[in-house]
Every structure is written in C-alpha cells, then in structure tokens.
N, C-alpha and C. Protein backbone atom coordinates (compact mmCIF):
# COMPACT_ATOMS: atom_id res chain seq x y z
N MET A 1 12.68 83.49 -10.17
CA MET A 1 12.60 82.04 -10.27
C MET A 1 13.70 81.52 -11.18
N GLU A 2 14.42 80.53 -10.71
CA GLU A 2 15.54 79.96 -11.46
C GLU A 2 15.04 79.04 -12.57
N VAL A 3 15.60 79.20 -13.75
CA VAL A 3 15.26 78.33 -14.87
C VAL A 3 16.31 77.24 -14.95
N LEU A 4 15.86 75.98 -14.93
CA LEU A 4 16.80 74.86 -14.96
C LEU A 4 17.15 74.51 -16.39
N PRO A 5 18.44 74.40 -16.69
CA PRO A 5 18.82 73.99 -18.05
C PRO A 5 18.58 72.50 -18.24
N ILE A 6 17.73 72.16 -19.20
CA ILE A 6 17.44 70.75 -19.45
C ILE A 6 17.75 70.40 -20.90
N GLN A 7 17.82 69.13 -21.14
CA GLN A 7 17.92 68.63 -22.52
C GLN A 7 17.07 67.39 -22.62
N ILE A 8 16.68 67.06 -23.83
CA ILE A 8 15.92 65.85 -24.09
C ILE A 8 16.89 64.79 -24.56
N ALA A 9 16.79 63.59 -23.98
CA ALA A 9 17.70 62.50 -24.36
C ALA A 9 17.56 62.20 -25.85
N SER A 10 18.61 61.61 -26.40
CA SER A 10 18.61 61.32 -27.84
C SER A 10 17.47 60.39 -28.26
N ASN A 11 17.02 59.55 -27.33
CA ASN A 11 15.88 58.67 -27.67
C ASN A 11 14.54 59.39 -27.51
N LYS A 12 14.59 60.67 -27.12
CA LYS A 12 13.41 61.52 -26.96
C LYS A 12 12.43 61.00 -25.90
N GLU A 13 12.95 60.25 -24.93
CA GLU A 13 12.08 59.65 -23.92
C GLU A 13 12.39 60.09 -22.51
N GLN A 14 13.41 60.97 -22.34
CA GLN A 14 13.76 61.39 -20.99
C GLN A 14 14.18 62.85 -20.97
N ILE A 15 13.87 63.51 -19.83
CA ILE A 15 14.41 64.83 -19.55
C ILE A 15 15.69 64.62 -18.76
N LEU A 16 16.74 65.35 -19.13
CA LEU A 16 18.03 65.24 -18.45
C LEU A 16 18.52 66.64 -18.08
N CYS A 17 19.42 66.71 -17.10
CA CYS A 17 20.06 67.99 -16.85
C CYS A 17 21.06 68.23 -17.98
N ARG A 18 21.11 69.45 -18.47
CA ARG A 18 21.96 69.73 -19.63
C ARG A 18 23.46 69.57 -19.33
N PRO A 19 23.96 70.10 -18.20
CA PRO A 19 25.42 70.01 -18.00
C PRO A 19 25.98 68.60 -17.88
N HIS A 20 25.17 67.66 -17.30
CA HIS A 20 25.72 66.33 -17.00
C HIS A 20 24.95 65.19 -17.67
N ALA A 21 23.90 65.51 -18.38
CA ALA A 21 23.10 64.52 -19.10
C ALA A 21 22.61 63.40 -18.16
N GLN A 22 22.09 63.79 -16.99
CA GLN A 22 21.59 62.83 -16.00
C GLN A 22 20.13 63.13 -15.67
N ALA A 23 19.33 62.08 -15.54
CA ALA A 23 17.94 62.27 -15.11
C ALA A 23 17.89 62.65 -13.62
N VAL A 24 18.79 62.06 -12.83
CA VAL A 24 18.96 62.42 -11.43
C VAL A 24 20.39 62.92 -11.27
N CYS A 25 20.52 64.20 -10.99
CA CYS A 25 21.86 64.80 -10.91
C CYS A 25 22.02 65.48 -9.57
N THR A 26 22.95 64.97 -8.76
CA THR A 26 23.18 65.56 -7.44
C THR A 26 23.96 66.87 -7.55
N ILE A 27 24.73 67.04 -8.62
CA ILE A 27 25.50 68.28 -8.80
C ILE A 27 24.55 69.44 -9.10
N CYS A 28 23.60 69.21 -10.00
CA CYS A 28 22.61 70.25 -10.35
C CYS A 28 21.44 70.27 -9.38
N ASP A 29 21.37 69.27 -8.50
CA ASP A 29 20.28 69.13 -7.54
C ASP A 29 18.92 69.06 -8.22
N VAL A 30 18.84 68.16 -9.23
CA VAL A 30 17.56 67.94 -9.93
C VAL A 30 17.26 66.45 -9.98
N ASP A 31 15.98 66.16 -10.02
CA ASP A 31 15.52 64.77 -10.15
C ASP A 31 14.33 64.76 -11.10
N TRP A 32 14.58 64.30 -12.33
CA TRP A 32 13.53 64.26 -13.34
C TRP A 32 12.89 62.86 -13.44
N SER A 33 13.22 61.97 -12.51
CA SER A 33 12.76 60.58 -12.62
C SER A 33 11.23 60.46 -12.60
N GLU A 34 10.55 61.24 -11.74
CA GLU A 34 9.09 61.15 -11.70
C GLU A 34 8.47 61.68 -12.99
N HIS A 35 9.02 62.77 -13.52
CA HIS A 35 8.52 63.31 -14.79
C HIS A 35 8.71 62.28 -15.91
N ASN A 36 9.89 61.65 -15.91
CA ASN A 36 10.18 60.66 -16.95
C ASN A 36 9.29 59.44 -16.82
N ALA A 37 9.01 59.03 -15.58
CA ALA A 37 8.12 57.87 -15.37
C ALA A 37 6.70 58.20 -15.83
N LEU A 38 6.23 59.40 -15.51
CA LEU A 38 4.90 59.81 -15.95
C LEU A 38 4.83 59.87 -17.47
N ALA A 39 5.87 60.43 -18.09
CA ALA A 39 5.90 60.51 -19.55
C ALA A 39 5.86 59.11 -20.18
N ALA A 40 6.62 58.17 -19.58
CA ALA A 40 6.64 56.80 -20.11
C ALA A 40 5.26 56.15 -19.99
N THR A 41 4.59 56.41 -18.87
CA THR A 41 3.24 55.85 -18.67
C THR A 41 2.27 56.43 -19.68
N LEU A 42 2.33 57.75 -19.87
CA LEU A 42 1.43 58.38 -20.84
C LEU A 42 1.72 57.92 -22.26
N LYS A 43 3.01 57.71 -22.55
CA LYS A 43 3.37 57.24 -23.90
C LYS A 43 2.78 55.85 -24.17
N SER A 44 2.71 55.04 -23.12
CA SER A 44 2.20 53.67 -23.30
C SER A 44 0.72 53.65 -23.68
N THR A 45 0.01 54.77 -23.48
CA THR A 45 -1.41 54.82 -23.86
C THR A 45 -1.58 55.11 -25.35
N ASN A 46 -0.47 55.40 -26.05
CA ASN A 46 -0.51 55.73 -27.49
C ASN A 46 -1.44 56.91 -27.79
N GLY A 47 -1.48 57.85 -26.87
CA GLY A 47 -2.28 59.06 -27.09
C GLY A 47 -3.75 58.90 -26.79
N ASP A 48 -4.19 57.71 -26.43
CA ASP A 48 -5.59 57.50 -26.09
C ASP A 48 -5.82 57.90 -24.63
N THR A 49 -6.71 58.82 -24.41
CA THR A 49 -7.03 59.21 -23.04
C THR A 49 -7.85 58.10 -22.40
N PRO A 50 -7.40 57.59 -21.26
CA PRO A 50 -8.17 56.51 -20.64
C PRO A 50 -9.53 57.02 -20.16
N PRO A 51 -10.57 56.21 -20.29
CA PRO A 51 -11.88 56.64 -19.80
C PRO A 51 -11.86 56.75 -18.28
N PRO A 52 -12.65 57.64 -17.72
CA PRO A 52 -12.66 57.81 -16.25
C PRO A 52 -13.26 56.60 -15.55
N ASN A 53 -12.71 56.32 -14.38
CA ASN A 53 -13.27 55.29 -13.49
C ASN A 53 -13.41 53.91 -14.13
N VAL A 54 -12.44 53.56 -14.96
CA VAL A 54 -12.46 52.24 -15.59
C VAL A 54 -11.16 51.52 -15.26
N THR A 55 -11.27 50.30 -14.78
CA THR A 55 -10.11 49.47 -14.48
C THR A 55 -9.92 48.49 -15.64
N ASN A 56 -8.67 48.31 -16.02
CA ASN A 56 -8.36 47.39 -17.11
C ASN A 56 -8.40 45.95 -16.58
N PRO A 57 -9.46 45.18 -16.92
CA PRO A 57 -9.57 43.81 -16.38
C PRO A 57 -8.52 42.87 -16.96
N ILE A 58 -7.99 43.21 -18.13
CA ILE A 58 -6.98 42.34 -18.76
C ILE A 58 -5.72 42.28 -17.91
N ARG A 59 -5.34 43.42 -17.34
CA ARG A 59 -4.14 43.43 -16.50
C ARG A 59 -4.32 42.54 -15.29
N ASN A 60 -5.48 42.60 -14.64
CA ASN A 60 -5.75 41.73 -13.49
C ASN A 60 -5.61 40.26 -13.89
N GLN A 61 -6.19 39.91 -15.03
CA GLN A 61 -6.12 38.52 -15.51
C GLN A 61 -4.68 38.10 -15.81
N GLN A 62 -3.91 39.02 -16.41
CA GLN A 62 -2.52 38.69 -16.74
C GLN A 62 -1.70 38.47 -15.48
N VAL A 63 -1.89 39.33 -14.50
CA VAL A 63 -1.16 39.19 -13.23
C VAL A 63 -1.52 37.85 -12.57
N ASN A 64 -2.81 37.55 -12.52
CA ASN A 64 -3.25 36.29 -11.91
C ASN A 64 -2.73 35.08 -12.66
N ARG A 65 -2.72 35.17 -13.98
CA ARG A 65 -2.24 34.04 -14.80
C ARG A 65 -0.75 33.79 -14.54
N LEU A 66 0.03 34.86 -14.47
CA LEU A 66 1.46 34.71 -14.21
C LEU A 66 1.71 34.12 -12.82
N ARG A 67 0.94 34.60 -11.84
CA ARG A 67 1.12 34.08 -10.48
C ARG A 67 0.72 32.60 -10.40
N GLU A 68 -0.37 32.24 -11.07
CA GLU A 68 -0.80 30.84 -11.07
C GLU A 68 0.21 29.94 -11.76
N GLU A 69 0.82 30.47 -12.82
CA GLU A 69 1.87 29.70 -13.51
C GLU A 69 3.06 29.49 -12.56
N GLY A 70 3.39 30.53 -11.80
CA GLY A 70 4.44 30.40 -10.79
C GLY A 70 4.09 29.35 -9.76
N ASN A 71 2.82 29.32 -9.34
CA ASN A 71 2.37 28.33 -8.35
C ASN A 71 2.53 26.91 -8.87
N LYS A 72 2.22 26.71 -10.16
CA LYS A 72 2.38 25.37 -10.76
C LYS A 72 3.83 24.92 -10.70
N HIS A 73 4.74 25.82 -11.06
CA HIS A 73 6.16 25.48 -11.03
C HIS A 73 6.64 25.25 -9.59
N PHE A 74 6.12 26.05 -8.66
CA PHE A 74 6.50 25.87 -7.25
C PHE A 74 6.09 24.48 -6.77
N LYS A 75 4.85 24.10 -7.06
CA LYS A 75 4.35 22.78 -6.62
C LYS A 75 5.14 21.64 -7.25
N ALA A 76 5.68 21.88 -8.46
CA ALA A 76 6.47 20.86 -9.15
C ALA A 76 7.93 20.88 -8.70
N GLY A 77 8.26 21.76 -7.77
CA GLY A 77 9.64 21.85 -7.28
C GLY A 77 10.57 22.60 -8.21
N LYS A 78 10.01 23.29 -9.20
CA LYS A 78 10.82 24.08 -10.15
C LYS A 78 10.85 25.52 -9.65
N TYR A 79 11.64 25.74 -8.59
CA TYR A 79 11.61 27.01 -7.88
C TYR A 79 12.15 28.17 -8.71
N GLU A 80 13.17 27.90 -9.51
CA GLU A 80 13.74 28.98 -10.33
C GLU A 80 12.70 29.49 -11.34
N GLU A 81 11.97 28.57 -11.95
CA GLU A 81 10.91 28.97 -12.88
C GLU A 81 9.79 29.69 -12.14
N ALA A 82 9.47 29.21 -10.95
CA ALA A 82 8.43 29.86 -10.15
C ALA A 82 8.82 31.31 -9.86
N ILE A 83 10.08 31.51 -9.48
CA ILE A 83 10.58 32.86 -9.19
C ILE A 83 10.44 33.74 -10.42
N ARG A 84 10.74 33.20 -11.59
CA ARG A 84 10.65 33.97 -12.83
C ARG A 84 9.21 34.44 -13.07
N PHE A 85 8.24 33.55 -12.89
CA PHE A 85 6.85 33.93 -13.13
C PHE A 85 6.33 34.89 -12.05
N TYR A 86 6.71 34.67 -10.80
CA TYR A 86 6.30 35.61 -9.75
C TYR A 86 6.88 37.00 -10.03
N SER A 87 8.12 37.04 -10.49
CA SER A 87 8.75 38.33 -10.81
C SER A 87 8.01 39.03 -11.94
N MET A 88 7.59 38.28 -12.95
CA MET A 88 6.82 38.87 -14.05
C MET A 88 5.47 39.40 -13.55
N ALA A 89 4.84 38.67 -12.63
CA ALA A 89 3.56 39.13 -12.06
C ALA A 89 3.75 40.44 -11.31
N ILE A 90 4.84 40.54 -10.55
CA ILE A 90 5.14 41.77 -9.80
C ILE A 90 5.34 42.93 -10.77
N ASP A 91 6.16 42.71 -11.79
CA ASP A 91 6.42 43.77 -12.78
C ASP A 91 5.14 44.20 -13.48
N MET A 92 4.31 43.25 -13.83
CA MET A 92 3.04 43.55 -14.52
C MET A 92 2.14 44.40 -13.61
N SER A 93 2.07 44.04 -12.35
CA SER A 93 1.23 44.80 -11.43
C SER A 93 1.77 46.21 -11.20
N TRP A 94 3.09 46.33 -11.00
CA TRP A 94 3.70 47.65 -10.77
C TRP A 94 3.50 48.58 -11.95
N SER A 95 3.33 48.02 -13.15
CA SER A 95 3.20 48.86 -14.34
C SER A 95 1.77 49.38 -14.53
N ARG A 96 0.89 49.05 -13.60
CA ARG A 96 -0.50 49.52 -13.69
C ARG A 96 -0.53 51.04 -13.62
N PRO A 97 -1.24 51.71 -14.54
CA PRO A 97 -1.33 53.18 -14.47
C PRO A 97 -2.01 53.60 -13.17
N LEU A 98 -1.42 54.56 -12.49
CA LEU A 98 -1.92 54.95 -11.18
C LEU A 98 -3.23 55.74 -11.24
N TRP A 99 -3.64 56.14 -12.45
CA TRP A 99 -4.93 56.85 -12.54
C TRP A 99 -6.10 55.88 -12.55
N GLU A 100 -5.84 54.59 -12.69
CA GLU A 100 -6.94 53.63 -12.64
C GLU A 100 -7.58 53.66 -11.25
N PRO A 101 -8.92 53.55 -11.19
CA PRO A 101 -9.56 53.48 -9.88
C PRO A 101 -9.05 52.26 -9.11
N MET A 102 -8.82 52.43 -7.86
CA MET A 102 -8.37 51.34 -6.98
C MET A 102 -6.99 50.80 -7.39
N ALA A 103 -6.22 51.59 -8.14
CA ALA A 103 -4.92 51.11 -8.62
C ALA A 103 -4.03 50.68 -7.46
N PHE A 104 -3.92 51.52 -6.44
CA PHE A 104 -3.04 51.18 -5.33
C PHE A 104 -3.51 49.92 -4.62
N GLN A 105 -4.83 49.78 -4.46
CA GLN A 105 -5.37 48.60 -3.79
C GLN A 105 -5.03 47.33 -4.58
N PHE A 106 -5.22 47.39 -5.90
CA PHE A 106 -4.86 46.24 -6.74
C PHE A 106 -3.37 45.92 -6.62
N ILE A 107 -2.56 46.97 -6.77
CA ILE A 107 -1.10 46.77 -6.71
C ILE A 107 -0.71 46.16 -5.37
N ARG A 108 -1.25 46.71 -4.30
CA ARG A 108 -0.91 46.25 -2.94
C ARG A 108 -1.22 44.76 -2.79
N GLU A 109 -2.38 44.34 -3.21
CA GLU A 109 -2.77 42.94 -3.03
C GLU A 109 -2.03 42.01 -3.99
N GLU A 110 -1.93 42.42 -5.26
CA GLU A 110 -1.25 41.58 -6.25
C GLU A 110 0.23 41.43 -5.94
N VAL A 111 0.87 42.56 -5.63
CA VAL A 111 2.31 42.54 -5.40
C VAL A 111 2.65 41.78 -4.13
N THR A 112 1.90 42.01 -3.06
CA THR A 112 2.24 41.31 -1.81
C THR A 112 2.04 39.80 -1.94
N THR A 113 1.01 39.40 -2.66
CA THR A 113 0.80 37.96 -2.86
C THR A 113 1.95 37.35 -3.66
N ALA A 114 2.35 38.02 -4.74
CA ALA A 114 3.45 37.50 -5.56
C ALA A 114 4.78 37.56 -4.81
N LEU A 115 4.99 38.62 -4.02
CA LEU A 115 6.22 38.71 -3.21
C LEU A 115 6.26 37.58 -2.18
N SER A 116 5.13 37.31 -1.55
CA SER A 116 5.05 36.23 -0.57
C SER A 116 5.38 34.89 -1.21
N ASN A 117 4.80 34.65 -2.38
CA ASN A 117 5.07 33.39 -3.09
C ASN A 117 6.52 33.30 -3.53
N ARG A 118 7.07 34.42 -4.00
CA ARG A 118 8.47 34.41 -4.43
C ARG A 118 9.39 34.19 -3.23
N ALA A 119 9.02 34.76 -2.08
CA ALA A 119 9.81 34.54 -0.86
C ALA A 119 9.83 33.05 -0.49
N ALA A 120 8.69 32.38 -0.67
CA ALA A 120 8.63 30.94 -0.39
C ALA A 120 9.55 30.17 -1.34
N ALA A 121 9.57 30.58 -2.60
CA ALA A 121 10.43 29.91 -3.59
C ALA A 121 11.90 30.17 -3.28
N TYR A 122 12.23 31.40 -2.89
CA TYR A 122 13.61 31.71 -2.51
C TYR A 122 14.02 30.88 -1.29
N THR A 123 13.12 30.76 -0.32
CA THR A 123 13.41 29.97 0.89
C THR A 123 13.65 28.51 0.51
N ALA A 124 12.83 27.99 -0.39
CA ALA A 124 12.99 26.60 -0.83
C ALA A 124 14.34 26.39 -1.52
N ARG A 125 14.88 27.41 -2.15
CA ARG A 125 16.19 27.33 -2.81
C ARG A 125 17.35 27.67 -1.86
N GLY A 126 17.03 28.03 -0.63
CA GLY A 126 18.07 28.40 0.32
C GLY A 126 18.58 29.82 0.12
N GLN A 127 17.84 30.63 -0.65
CA GLN A 127 18.21 32.02 -0.88
C GLN A 127 17.50 32.90 0.16
N TYR A 128 17.98 32.78 1.41
CA TYR A 128 17.26 33.38 2.52
C TYR A 128 17.31 34.90 2.54
N VAL A 129 18.38 35.49 2.07
CA VAL A 129 18.45 36.96 2.04
C VAL A 129 17.41 37.50 1.07
N ASP A 130 17.32 36.89 -0.13
CA ASP A 130 16.30 37.31 -1.09
C ASP A 130 14.89 37.11 -0.53
N ALA A 131 14.70 36.01 0.18
CA ALA A 131 13.39 35.74 0.79
C ALA A 131 13.07 36.79 1.84
N LEU A 132 14.09 37.19 2.60
CA LEU A 132 13.87 38.20 3.64
C LEU A 132 13.51 39.55 3.02
N VAL A 133 14.17 39.91 1.93
CA VAL A 133 13.88 41.19 1.26
C VAL A 133 12.42 41.20 0.78
N ASP A 134 12.00 40.11 0.12
CA ASP A 134 10.62 40.05 -0.38
C ASP A 134 9.60 40.07 0.75
N SER A 135 9.86 39.31 1.80
CA SER A 135 8.89 39.25 2.89
C SER A 135 8.86 40.56 3.67
N GLU A 136 9.99 41.24 3.77
CA GLU A 136 10.01 42.56 4.42
C GLU A 136 9.14 43.55 3.64
N MET A 137 9.27 43.51 2.31
CA MET A 137 8.41 44.36 1.47
C MET A 137 6.94 44.02 1.68
N CYS A 138 6.67 42.73 1.80
CA CYS A 138 5.29 42.26 2.06
C CYS A 138 4.73 42.89 3.32
N THR A 139 5.49 42.82 4.39
CA THR A 139 5.00 43.31 5.68
C THR A 139 4.87 44.83 5.69
N ARG A 140 5.65 45.50 4.86
CA ARG A 140 5.54 46.97 4.80
C ARG A 140 4.33 47.40 3.97
N LEU A 141 4.06 46.67 2.90
CA LEU A 141 2.93 47.02 2.04
C LEU A 141 1.59 46.57 2.63
N ARG A 142 1.64 45.48 3.38
CA ARG A 142 0.38 44.89 3.89
C ARG A 142 0.64 44.36 5.30
N ARG A 143 0.78 45.28 6.22
CA ARG A 143 1.22 44.96 7.57
C ARG A 143 0.32 43.96 8.28
N ASP A 144 -0.97 44.00 7.99
CA ASP A 144 -1.93 43.17 8.73
C ASP A 144 -2.14 41.80 8.10
N TRP A 145 -1.29 41.40 7.18
CA TRP A 145 -1.44 40.10 6.51
C TRP A 145 -0.47 39.11 7.13
N GLN A 146 -0.99 38.10 7.78
CA GLN A 146 -0.14 37.16 8.53
C GLN A 146 0.84 36.41 7.63
N LYS A 147 0.49 36.20 6.36
CA LYS A 147 1.36 35.42 5.47
C LYS A 147 2.72 36.08 5.28
N GLY A 148 2.74 37.42 5.20
CA GLY A 148 4.02 38.12 5.06
C GLY A 148 4.92 37.89 6.26
N TRP A 149 4.32 37.90 7.46
CA TRP A 149 5.10 37.66 8.69
C TRP A 149 5.58 36.22 8.76
N PHE A 150 4.77 35.30 8.28
CA PHE A 150 5.18 33.90 8.24
C PHE A 150 6.40 33.73 7.32
N ARG A 151 6.32 34.32 6.12
CA ARG A 151 7.45 34.24 5.17
C ARG A 151 8.71 34.88 5.75
N LYS A 152 8.52 36.02 6.41
CA LYS A 152 9.67 36.70 7.02
C LYS A 152 10.31 35.82 8.09
N GLY A 153 9.47 35.21 8.93
CA GLY A 153 9.98 34.32 9.97
C GLY A 153 10.76 33.15 9.39
N LYS A 154 10.23 32.55 8.32
CA LYS A 154 10.90 31.42 7.68
C LYS A 154 12.27 31.83 7.13
N ALA A 155 12.33 33.02 6.51
CA ALA A 155 13.61 33.51 5.98
C ALA A 155 14.60 33.74 7.12
N LEU A 156 14.13 34.29 8.23
CA LEU A 156 15.00 34.56 9.37
C LEU A 156 15.50 33.26 10.01
N VAL A 157 14.65 32.24 10.06
CA VAL A 157 15.09 30.92 10.56
C VAL A 157 16.22 30.41 9.67
N GLY A 158 16.05 30.54 8.36
CA GLY A 158 17.09 30.10 7.43
C GLY A 158 18.40 30.84 7.61
N LEU A 159 18.31 32.08 8.09
CA LEU A 159 19.51 32.89 8.34
C LEU A 159 20.03 32.72 9.77
N ASN A 160 19.45 31.75 10.51
CA ASN A 160 19.82 31.48 11.90
C ASN A 160 19.61 32.70 12.80
N ARG A 161 18.55 33.43 12.52
CA ARG A 161 18.17 34.58 13.35
C ARG A 161 16.84 34.23 14.02
N ALA A 162 16.91 33.20 14.86
CA ALA A 162 15.70 32.59 15.41
C ALA A 162 14.90 33.53 16.32
N LYS A 163 15.59 34.36 17.08
CA LYS A 163 14.86 35.27 17.97
C LYS A 163 14.00 36.23 17.16
N GLU A 164 14.57 36.79 16.08
CA GLU A 164 13.81 37.68 15.20
C GLU A 164 12.70 36.92 14.48
N ALA A 165 12.98 35.67 14.13
CA ALA A 165 11.96 34.84 13.47
C ALA A 165 10.76 34.65 14.39
N LEU A 166 11.05 34.34 15.66
CA LEU A 166 9.98 34.14 16.63
C LEU A 166 9.13 35.40 16.77
N GLU A 167 9.80 36.57 16.78
CA GLU A 167 9.07 37.85 16.87
C GLU A 167 8.17 38.03 15.65
N ALA A 168 8.68 37.69 14.47
CA ALA A 168 7.88 37.82 13.24
C ALA A 168 6.66 36.89 13.28
N PHE A 169 6.89 35.64 13.68
CA PHE A 169 5.78 34.69 13.77
C PHE A 169 4.72 35.18 14.76
N GLU A 170 5.19 35.66 15.91
CA GLU A 170 4.24 36.09 16.94
C GLU A 170 3.48 37.34 16.51
N LEU A 171 4.15 38.23 15.80
CA LEU A 171 3.46 39.42 15.30
C LEU A 171 2.40 39.02 14.27
N GLY A 172 2.74 38.08 13.40
CA GLY A 172 1.77 37.57 12.43
C GLY A 172 0.56 36.95 13.11
N ARG A 173 0.81 36.28 14.22
CA ARG A 173 -0.28 35.60 14.94
C ARG A 173 -1.24 36.61 15.58
N GLN A 174 -0.74 37.81 15.85
CA GLN A 174 -1.64 38.85 16.36
C GLN A 174 -2.71 39.20 15.33
N PHE A 175 -2.34 39.11 14.06
CA PHE A 175 -3.29 39.43 12.99
C PHE A 175 -4.18 38.24 12.64
N ASP A 176 -3.69 37.04 12.95
CA ASP A 176 -4.49 35.83 12.66
C ASP A 176 -4.23 34.80 13.76
N PRO A 177 -4.91 34.94 14.90
CA PRO A 177 -4.68 34.05 16.04
C PRO A 177 -4.98 32.59 15.75
N GLU A 178 -5.77 32.31 14.70
CA GLU A 178 -6.16 30.94 14.38
C GLU A 178 -5.20 30.27 13.40
N SER A 179 -4.16 30.97 12.96
CA SER A 179 -3.26 30.42 11.95
C SER A 179 -2.50 29.20 12.47
N GLU A 180 -2.76 28.07 11.85
CA GLU A 180 -2.10 26.83 12.24
C GLU A 180 -0.63 26.84 11.86
N GLU A 181 -0.31 27.40 10.67
CA GLU A 181 1.09 27.41 10.24
C GLU A 181 1.95 28.29 11.15
N LEU A 182 1.38 29.39 11.64
CA LEU A 182 2.13 30.24 12.57
C LEU A 182 2.29 29.55 13.92
N ARG A 183 1.24 28.88 14.38
CA ARG A 183 1.32 28.15 15.66
C ARG A 183 2.43 27.12 15.61
N LYS A 184 2.47 26.34 14.51
CA LYS A 184 3.51 25.31 14.36
C LYS A 184 4.90 25.93 14.26
N ALA A 185 5.00 27.04 13.52
CA ALA A 185 6.31 27.70 13.36
C ALA A 185 6.83 28.20 14.70
N ILE A 186 5.94 28.76 15.52
CA ILE A 186 6.33 29.24 16.84
C ILE A 186 6.81 28.07 17.71
N GLU A 187 6.06 26.98 17.68
CA GLU A 187 6.44 25.79 18.47
C GLU A 187 7.79 25.24 18.03
N GLU A 188 8.03 25.21 16.71
CA GLU A 188 9.31 24.68 16.19
C GLU A 188 10.49 25.52 16.64
N VAL A 189 10.33 26.85 16.59
CA VAL A 189 11.44 27.72 17.01
C VAL A 189 11.67 27.58 18.52
N LYS A 190 10.61 27.56 19.30
CA LYS A 190 10.77 27.40 20.76
C LYS A 190 11.43 26.07 21.09
N ALA A 191 11.04 25.02 20.37
CA ALA A 191 11.66 23.71 20.59
C ALA A 191 13.14 23.75 20.21
N GLY A 192 13.47 24.49 19.17
CA GLY A 192 14.87 24.64 18.77
C GLY A 192 15.69 25.32 19.85
N PHE A 193 15.12 26.33 20.51
CA PHE A 193 15.80 26.98 21.63
C PHE A 193 16.02 25.99 22.77
N GLU A 194 15.00 25.18 23.05
CA GLU A 194 15.11 24.20 24.15
C GLU A 194 16.17 23.15 23.84
N ARG A 195 16.31 22.76 22.58
CA ARG A 195 17.32 21.76 22.19
C ARG A 195 18.71 22.37 22.06
N GLY A 196 18.81 23.68 22.19
CA GLY A 196 20.11 24.35 22.07
C GLY A 196 20.54 24.61 20.64
N GLU A 197 19.60 24.51 19.70
CA GLU A 197 19.93 24.78 18.29
C GLU A 197 20.08 26.27 18.02
N TYR A 198 19.37 27.06 18.82
CA TYR A 198 19.41 28.52 18.66
C TYR A 198 19.85 29.13 19.97
N TYR A 199 20.39 30.34 19.88
CA TYR A 199 20.83 31.07 21.05
C TYR A 199 20.20 32.45 21.04
N GLU A 200 19.94 32.97 22.23
CA GLU A 200 19.35 34.32 22.36
C GLU A 200 20.30 35.37 21.80
C-alpha cells in the first residue's frame, strides 16, 4: 500500500500534498477537499459531540429570516439587496452539518426556495445568465417543483431562447397542471412566436 506524503497547512486547518502544498493536486493525484471540509465542520462544533437525532432549530429560523428579509427587499424593488440576503440564506443552509437528521431534505427545500427567489431578483435586474444558473440548480435539486421550471423559463425568455423557455414552462406544467403563472407564461411565449418576436 502506497503511503501518500502529506503536510498540514500553516494555519493547521488543511491537509495538503507535501510536494506541491495543494489540497487538490492533479500531479500527485490526490484530493483532500472532502477530508478538509469534514475537519472544518467538526471544528465548528468546538469539540462538542452533537446529540443523536436532533436538528438545530436555530439554523432553520436563521435561514427563513434571511430569506424573508430578501423577500422584503424584492417587494420594495431593491433587487441587489434581495440577492444579498438570498445568497446568505443559501450559504447558511449549505453549512448545515450533514449528520443532522433530515439534513439533505432541509437543505434541498431551503436552498431551492432561496435559489428560485434569487433567480427572480436576477431576472428583475436583467441578469439572465445568473438567473438561468440558479434556476437550473433549482430544477436539478427539486425536479418536481414547478417554480424552478417557471424561473428557468423566465431566464430563457430574457436570453431570447424562447423555444427552450416554452419547453421549461411546459415541463413545469406537467408537475402542476393548475399553475396559472405557467399557463400565462406559455400563452405569452406562443403569442410572441405568432407575432414574429421569436424564431424556432
């Protein structure tokens, strides 16, 4: 069995390959990033072993508070501030320790909701590529949620990719046939094709 030469970073918080001082080194063919992430998570507990089967309710409240603050700014037309708060909500949720019960479920729902809201704020600012990235992540994490497909369609319309937008809207409608916003979005894109605003 080969022994890998490692070193500890000067800040004592990362494992690195010794020859190149990299956490991910293609020359040595090593990747210590998962070990370093686990170590950082364990360090954040300050040595306290978390109790089994307990979810930290404070984190849920913090994520919700940040998202609600983003919603307030969005409604006031302060999209840049809304984006900042949605981003903080996403970061807060992603930092949830994975040993918590239902951690992935919480992360999936919290992150997709904040990504969807941030995509709407990016769309409102005309930052359609950023909106598309967020909505694409939404649809990958929570495929059966019509809101992610709606956001994706809106971003694609902004990028003048109407055919793909129509596909996104229609796919979202499969998950929620009663969605009024998707019905209207589909009608608007089809009308745009009829008026010659979009091309196949």
